[in-house]
Amino acid sequence: MSQAAIVLVSCPAELAEKIAEKVVVERLAACVNILPSMTSVYLWQGKLCRESESLLLIKIQASGYADLEKRIKELHTYEVPEIIMVSIAAGYFPYLNWIAESVGAKTERPERMEN
């Protein structure tokens, strides 16, 4: 059974890259995929809301969830942000191993790589 997990976080599009970069550079996450455009419909304080948001798929070790949640709450603009961890039951072993090696111990700040 894998110790890896995916954390789902919805946020305003303008905040997505900031959160993604911070949690990767701070080694709270191995990788963050940003799904750039979705519409969320929900009730908040008795009102029907419709928001355009991005969805972050954050790959972590489950043992690091509490630290990641704390950091996301510091960076996020919502009063009650969506932060949901989903355990990974199985996956390609080399990828899951890479997640484990990528989080935790902080090293020097990585160079920024552009495609």
N, C-alpha and C. Protein backbone atom coordinates (compact mmCIF):
# COMPACT_ATOMS: atom_id res chain seq x y z
N MET A 1 0.84 -1.18 0.00
CA MET A 1 0.00 0.00 0.00
C MET A 1 0.89 1.25 0.00
N SER A 2 0.57 2.19 -0.82
CA SER A 2 1.34 3.41 -0.98
C SER A 2 1.07 4.39 0.16
N GLN A 3 2.08 5.19 0.49
CA GLN A 3 1.92 6.28 1.45
C GLN A 3 1.65 7.59 0.72
N ALA A 4 1.61 7.54 -0.59
CA ALA A 4 1.38 8.74 -1.40
C ALA A 4 -0.09 9.11 -1.38
N ALA A 5 -0.34 10.39 -1.63
CA ALA A 5 -1.72 10.89 -1.65
C ALA A 5 -1.79 12.06 -2.62
N ILE A 6 -3.02 12.38 -3.01
CA ILE A 6 -3.29 13.55 -3.83
C ILE A 6 -4.18 14.47 -2.99
N VAL A 7 -3.83 15.73 -2.93
CA VAL A 7 -4.65 16.72 -2.23
C VAL A 7 -5.30 17.60 -3.28
N LEU A 8 -6.61 17.71 -3.20
CA LEU A 8 -7.39 18.55 -4.12
C LEU A 8 -7.63 19.89 -3.45
N VAL A 9 -7.32 20.97 -4.17
CA VAL A 9 -7.55 22.32 -3.66
C VAL A 9 -8.12 23.15 -4.80
N SER A 10 -9.30 23.74 -4.57
CA SER A 10 -9.83 24.69 -5.55
C SER A 10 -9.48 26.09 -5.08
N CYS A 11 -9.22 26.98 -6.05
CA CYS A 11 -8.82 28.34 -5.70
C CYS A 11 -9.04 29.26 -6.90
N PRO A 12 -9.03 30.57 -6.65
CA PRO A 12 -9.10 31.50 -7.77
C PRO A 12 -7.90 31.28 -8.70
N ALA A 13 -8.13 31.42 -9.99
CA ALA A 13 -7.08 31.16 -10.98
C ALA A 13 -5.81 31.95 -10.69
N GLU A 14 -5.94 33.19 -10.26
CA GLU A 14 -4.77 34.04 -10.03
C GLU A 14 -3.94 33.58 -8.83
N LEU A 15 -4.46 32.69 -8.02
CA LEU A 15 -3.75 32.19 -6.85
C LEU A 15 -3.11 30.82 -7.10
N ALA A 16 -3.52 30.13 -8.14
CA ALA A 16 -3.11 28.75 -8.38
C ALA A 16 -1.60 28.58 -8.49
N GLU A 17 -0.95 29.36 -9.31
CA GLU A 17 0.50 29.22 -9.50
C GLU A 17 1.27 29.58 -8.25
N LYS A 18 0.80 30.58 -7.52
CA LYS A 18 1.48 30.98 -6.29
C LYS A 18 1.48 29.83 -5.29
N ILE A 19 0.31 29.22 -5.06
CA ILE A 19 0.23 28.09 -4.13
C ILE A 19 1.09 26.94 -4.63
N ALA A 20 0.97 26.62 -5.92
CA ALA A 20 1.73 25.51 -6.49
C ALA A 20 3.23 25.69 -6.30
N GLU A 21 3.74 26.84 -6.65
CA GLU A 21 5.17 27.09 -6.53
C GLU A 21 5.65 27.06 -5.09
N LYS A 22 4.89 27.67 -4.20
CA LYS A 22 5.30 27.70 -2.78
C LYS A 22 5.40 26.29 -2.21
N VAL A 23 4.37 25.47 -2.41
CA VAL A 23 4.38 24.14 -1.77
C VAL A 23 5.42 23.21 -2.38
N VAL A 24 5.77 23.41 -3.66
CA VAL A 24 6.82 22.59 -4.27
C VAL A 24 8.19 23.07 -3.81
N VAL A 25 8.45 24.36 -3.86
CA VAL A 25 9.74 24.90 -3.44
C VAL A 25 10.00 24.61 -1.96
N GLU A 26 8.95 24.67 -1.15
CA GLU A 26 9.08 24.40 0.28
C GLU A 26 9.08 22.90 0.58
N ARG A 27 9.03 22.07 -0.46
CA ARG A 27 9.09 20.61 -0.38
C ARG A 27 7.96 20.00 0.44
N LEU A 28 6.82 20.67 0.40
CA LEU A 28 5.60 20.12 0.99
C LEU A 28 4.89 19.23 -0.01
N ALA A 29 5.21 19.38 -1.28
CA ALA A 29 4.60 18.59 -2.36
C ALA A 29 5.67 18.25 -3.38
N ALA A 30 5.50 17.10 -4.02
CA ALA A 30 6.42 16.69 -5.09
C ALA A 30 6.06 17.38 -6.40
N CYS A 31 4.77 17.56 -6.62
CA CYS A 31 4.28 18.06 -7.90
C CYS A 31 2.89 18.63 -7.71
N VAL A 32 2.56 19.66 -8.47
CA VAL A 32 1.21 20.20 -8.48
C VAL A 32 0.77 20.35 -9.92
N ASN A 33 -0.34 19.72 -10.26
CA ASN A 33 -0.97 19.94 -11.56
C ASN A 33 -2.03 21.00 -11.36
N ILE A 34 -2.07 21.97 -12.27
CA ILE A 34 -3.08 23.03 -12.22
C ILE A 34 -4.05 22.81 -13.37
N LEU A 35 -5.29 22.47 -13.02
CA LEU A 35 -6.34 22.37 -14.03
C LEU A 35 -6.97 23.75 -14.08
N PRO A 36 -6.79 24.48 -15.17
CA PRO A 36 -6.99 25.92 -15.17
C PRO A 36 -8.41 26.46 -15.13
N SER A 37 -9.40 25.70 -15.52
CA SER A 37 -10.71 26.34 -15.59
C SER A 37 -11.83 25.37 -15.27
N MET A 38 -12.55 25.70 -14.22
CA MET A 38 -13.74 24.93 -13.86
C MET A 38 -14.72 25.91 -13.22
N THR A 39 -15.96 25.51 -13.18
CA THR A 39 -16.98 26.31 -12.52
C THR A 39 -17.46 25.56 -11.29
N SER A 40 -17.43 26.21 -10.15
CA SER A 40 -17.92 25.63 -8.90
C SER A 40 -19.25 26.29 -8.56
N VAL A 41 -20.23 25.45 -8.24
CA VAL A 41 -21.56 25.93 -7.84
C VAL A 41 -21.81 25.39 -6.43
N TYR A 42 -22.12 26.28 -5.50
CA TYR A 42 -22.28 25.87 -4.11
C TYR A 42 -23.12 26.89 -3.34
N LEU A 43 -23.61 26.46 -2.19
CA LEU A 43 -24.30 27.36 -1.28
C LEU A 43 -23.30 27.85 -0.24
N TRP A 44 -23.26 29.16 -0.02
CA TRP A 44 -22.39 29.73 1.01
C TRP A 44 -23.16 30.81 1.74
N GLN A 45 -23.32 30.62 3.04
CA GLN A 45 -24.04 31.56 3.90
C GLN A 45 -25.42 31.89 3.33
N GLY A 46 -26.11 30.82 2.88
CA GLY A 46 -27.48 30.95 2.40
C GLY A 46 -27.63 31.48 0.98
N LYS A 47 -26.54 31.69 0.27
CA LYS A 47 -26.60 32.23 -1.09
C LYS A 47 -26.03 31.21 -2.08
N LEU A 48 -26.66 31.14 -3.25
CA LEU A 48 -26.14 30.30 -4.32
C LEU A 48 -24.99 31.04 -4.99
N CYS A 49 -23.85 30.39 -5.06
CA CYS A 49 -22.65 30.99 -5.63
C CYS A 49 -22.18 30.20 -6.84
N ARG A 50 -21.62 30.89 -7.78
CA ARG A 50 -21.02 30.29 -8.98
C ARG A 50 -19.69 31.01 -9.20
N GLU A 51 -18.60 30.23 -9.13
CA GLU A 51 -17.27 30.82 -9.24
C GLU A 51 -16.45 30.10 -10.30
N SER A 52 -15.65 30.86 -11.03
CA SER A 52 -14.66 30.28 -11.92
C SER A 52 -13.40 30.06 -11.10
N GLU A 53 -12.89 28.83 -11.10
CA GLU A 53 -11.74 28.49 -10.27
C GLU A 53 -10.78 27.59 -11.03
N SER A 54 -9.62 27.39 -10.44
CA SER A 54 -8.66 26.37 -10.88
C SER A 54 -8.69 25.26 -9.84
N LEU A 55 -8.29 24.07 -10.27
CA LEU A 55 -8.18 22.94 -9.36
C LEU A 55 -6.73 22.51 -9.30
N LEU A 56 -6.19 22.41 -8.10
CA LEU A 56 -4.83 21.94 -7.89
C LEU A 56 -4.88 20.47 -7.51
N LEU A 57 -4.05 19.66 -8.16
CA LEU A 57 -3.85 18.26 -7.81
C LEU A 57 -2.44 18.18 -7.25
N ILE A 58 -2.34 18.07 -5.94
CA ILE A 58 -1.07 18.17 -5.24
C ILE A 58 -0.62 16.78 -4.79
N LYS A 59 0.55 16.33 -5.25
CA LYS A 59 1.06 15.01 -4.90
C LYS A 59 1.96 15.12 -3.69
N ILE A 60 1.64 14.33 -2.65
CA ILE A 60 2.37 14.40 -1.39
C ILE A 60 2.57 13.00 -0.80
N GLN A 61 3.30 12.94 0.29
CA GLN A 61 3.31 11.79 1.18
C GLN A 61 2.22 12.09 2.22
N ALA A 62 1.39 11.12 2.52
CA ALA A 62 0.28 11.32 3.44
C ALA A 62 0.75 11.86 4.79
N SER A 63 1.92 11.47 5.22
CA SER A 63 2.44 11.92 6.52
C SER A 63 2.69 13.42 6.55
N GLY A 64 2.79 14.07 5.39
CA GLY A 64 3.02 15.51 5.33
C GLY A 64 1.76 16.34 5.18
N TYR A 65 0.59 15.70 5.27
CA TYR A 65 -0.66 16.42 5.02
C TYR A 65 -0.86 17.61 5.96
N ALA A 66 -0.64 17.44 7.24
CA ALA A 66 -0.92 18.53 8.20
C ALA A 66 -0.11 19.79 7.88
N ASP A 67 1.17 19.62 7.54
CA ASP A 67 2.00 20.78 7.19
C ASP A 67 1.51 21.44 5.91
N LEU A 68 1.13 20.62 4.93
CA LEU A 68 0.61 21.16 3.67
C LEU A 68 -0.68 21.92 3.92
N GLU A 69 -1.59 21.34 4.68
CA GLU A 69 -2.87 22.01 4.98
C GLU A 69 -2.63 23.36 5.65
N LYS A 70 -1.74 23.40 6.61
CA LYS A 70 -1.43 24.66 7.31
C LYS A 70 -0.93 25.71 6.32
N ARG A 71 -0.03 25.30 5.43
CA ARG A 71 0.54 26.27 4.47
C ARG A 71 -0.51 26.75 3.47
N ILE A 72 -1.35 25.85 3.01
CA ILE A 72 -2.40 26.26 2.07
C ILE A 72 -3.34 27.26 2.74
N LYS A 73 -3.70 27.03 3.98
CA LYS A 73 -4.58 27.96 4.69
C LYS A 73 -3.93 29.34 4.82
N GLU A 74 -2.61 29.38 4.98
CA GLU A 74 -1.89 30.66 5.05
C GLU A 74 -1.92 31.40 3.71
N LEU A 75 -1.85 30.66 2.62
CA LEU A 75 -1.76 31.25 1.28
C LEU A 75 -3.12 31.52 0.63
N HIS A 76 -4.12 30.78 1.03
CA HIS A 76 -5.43 30.82 0.36
C HIS A 76 -6.23 32.03 0.79
N THR A 77 -7.10 32.51 -0.10
CA THR A 77 -7.91 33.69 0.22
C THR A 77 -9.30 33.35 0.73
N TYR A 78 -9.72 32.09 0.63
CA TYR A 78 -11.06 31.71 1.07
C TYR A 78 -11.12 31.52 2.59
N GLU A 79 -12.25 31.84 3.17
CA GLU A 79 -12.48 31.62 4.60
C GLU A 79 -12.42 30.13 4.93
N VAL A 80 -13.02 29.30 4.05
CA VAL A 80 -13.03 27.84 4.22
C VAL A 80 -12.62 27.21 2.89
N PRO A 81 -11.31 27.09 2.65
CA PRO A 81 -10.88 26.51 1.37
C PRO A 81 -11.12 25.01 1.30
N GLU A 82 -11.33 24.54 0.08
CA GLU A 82 -11.41 23.09 -0.16
C GLU A 82 -9.99 22.54 -0.10
N ILE A 83 -9.75 21.65 0.86
CA ILE A 83 -8.47 20.95 0.98
C ILE A 83 -8.84 19.52 1.33
N ILE A 84 -8.74 18.61 0.35
CA ILE A 84 -9.19 17.24 0.53
C ILE A 84 -8.07 16.28 0.13
N MET A 85 -7.69 15.39 1.04
CA MET A 85 -6.67 14.40 0.72
C MET A 85 -7.32 13.09 0.30
N VAL A 86 -6.82 12.53 -0.81
CA VAL A 86 -7.27 11.24 -1.32
C VAL A 86 -6.05 10.32 -1.36
N SER A 87 -6.13 9.20 -0.65
CA SER A 87 -5.00 8.27 -0.63
C SER A 87 -4.85 7.59 -1.99
N ILE A 88 -3.61 7.31 -2.36
CA ILE A 88 -3.31 6.57 -3.58
C ILE A 88 -3.12 5.12 -3.17
N ALA A 89 -4.02 4.25 -3.59
CA ALA A 89 -3.96 2.83 -3.21
C ALA A 89 -2.85 2.10 -3.96
N ALA A 90 -2.60 2.48 -5.20
CA ALA A 90 -1.57 1.83 -6.00
C ALA A 90 -1.16 2.78 -7.11
N GLY A 91 0.01 2.53 -7.67
CA GLY A 91 0.50 3.35 -8.77
C GLY A 91 1.85 2.82 -9.24
N TYR A 92 2.36 3.44 -10.26
CA TYR A 92 3.64 3.07 -10.84
C TYR A 92 4.73 3.31 -9.79
N PHE A 93 5.41 2.25 -9.35
CA PHE A 93 6.34 2.33 -8.23
C PHE A 93 7.40 3.42 -8.40
N PRO A 94 8.07 3.54 -9.55
CA PRO A 94 9.08 4.59 -9.68
C PRO A 94 8.50 6.00 -9.45
N TYR A 95 7.27 6.24 -9.89
CA TYR A 95 6.65 7.55 -9.68
C TYR A 95 6.35 7.76 -8.20
N LEU A 96 5.78 6.76 -7.55
CA LEU A 96 5.47 6.87 -6.12
C LEU A 96 6.75 7.06 -5.31
N ASN A 97 7.81 6.40 -5.72
CA ASN A 97 9.10 6.56 -5.06
C ASN A 97 9.63 7.98 -5.25
N TRP A 98 9.46 8.53 -6.44
CA TRP A 98 9.87 9.91 -6.71
C TRP A 98 9.12 10.89 -5.81
N ILE A 99 7.83 10.67 -5.60
CA ILE A 99 7.07 11.53 -4.68
C ILE A 99 7.72 11.48 -3.30
N ALA A 100 7.99 10.28 -2.82
CA ALA A 100 8.58 10.12 -1.49
C ALA A 100 9.93 10.83 -1.38
N GLU A 101 10.73 10.75 -2.43
CA GLU A 101 12.05 11.39 -2.42
C GLU A 101 11.98 12.91 -2.58
N SER A 102 10.89 13.41 -3.13
CA SER A 102 10.79 14.84 -3.45
C SER A 102 10.27 15.71 -2.32
N VAL A 103 9.69 15.12 -1.32
CA VAL A 103 9.12 15.92 -0.23
C VAL A 103 9.93 15.71 1.04
N GLY A 104 9.82 16.66 1.93
CA GLY A 104 10.47 16.51 3.23
C GLY A 104 11.71 17.35 3.36
N ALA A 105 12.86 16.71 3.37
CA ALA A 105 14.12 17.40 3.65
C ALA A 105 14.32 18.58 2.72
N LYS A 106 14.56 19.73 3.31
CA LYS A 106 14.78 20.94 2.52
C LYS A 106 16.24 21.03 2.12
N THR A 107 16.44 21.37 0.87
CA THR A 107 17.78 21.58 0.36
C THR A 107 17.85 23.01 -0.14
N GLU A 108 18.86 23.32 -0.89
CA GLU A 108 18.95 24.69 -1.43
C GLU A 108 17.80 24.95 -2.38
N ARG A 109 17.48 26.21 -2.55
CA ARG A 109 16.38 26.60 -3.43
C ARG A 109 16.66 26.14 -4.85
N PRO A 110 15.71 25.42 -5.47
CA PRO A 110 15.93 24.92 -6.83
C PRO A 110 15.92 26.05 -7.87
N GLU A 111 16.62 25.80 -8.96
CA GLU A 111 16.57 26.73 -10.07
C GLU A 111 15.21 26.64 -10.73
N ARG A 112 14.72 27.75 -11.25
CA ARG A 112 13.43 27.76 -11.95
C ARG A 112 13.68 27.29 -13.38
N MET A 113 12.91 26.27 -13.78
CA MET A 113 13.02 25.74 -15.14
C MET A 113 11.76 26.11 -15.92
N GLU A 114 11.95 26.63 -17.08
CA GLU A 114 10.83 26.98 -17.96
C GLU A 114 10.84 26.03 -19.13
N ASN A 115 9.64 25.74 -19.65
CA ASN A 115 9.54 24.86 -20.83
C ASN A 115 9.82 25.65 -22.07
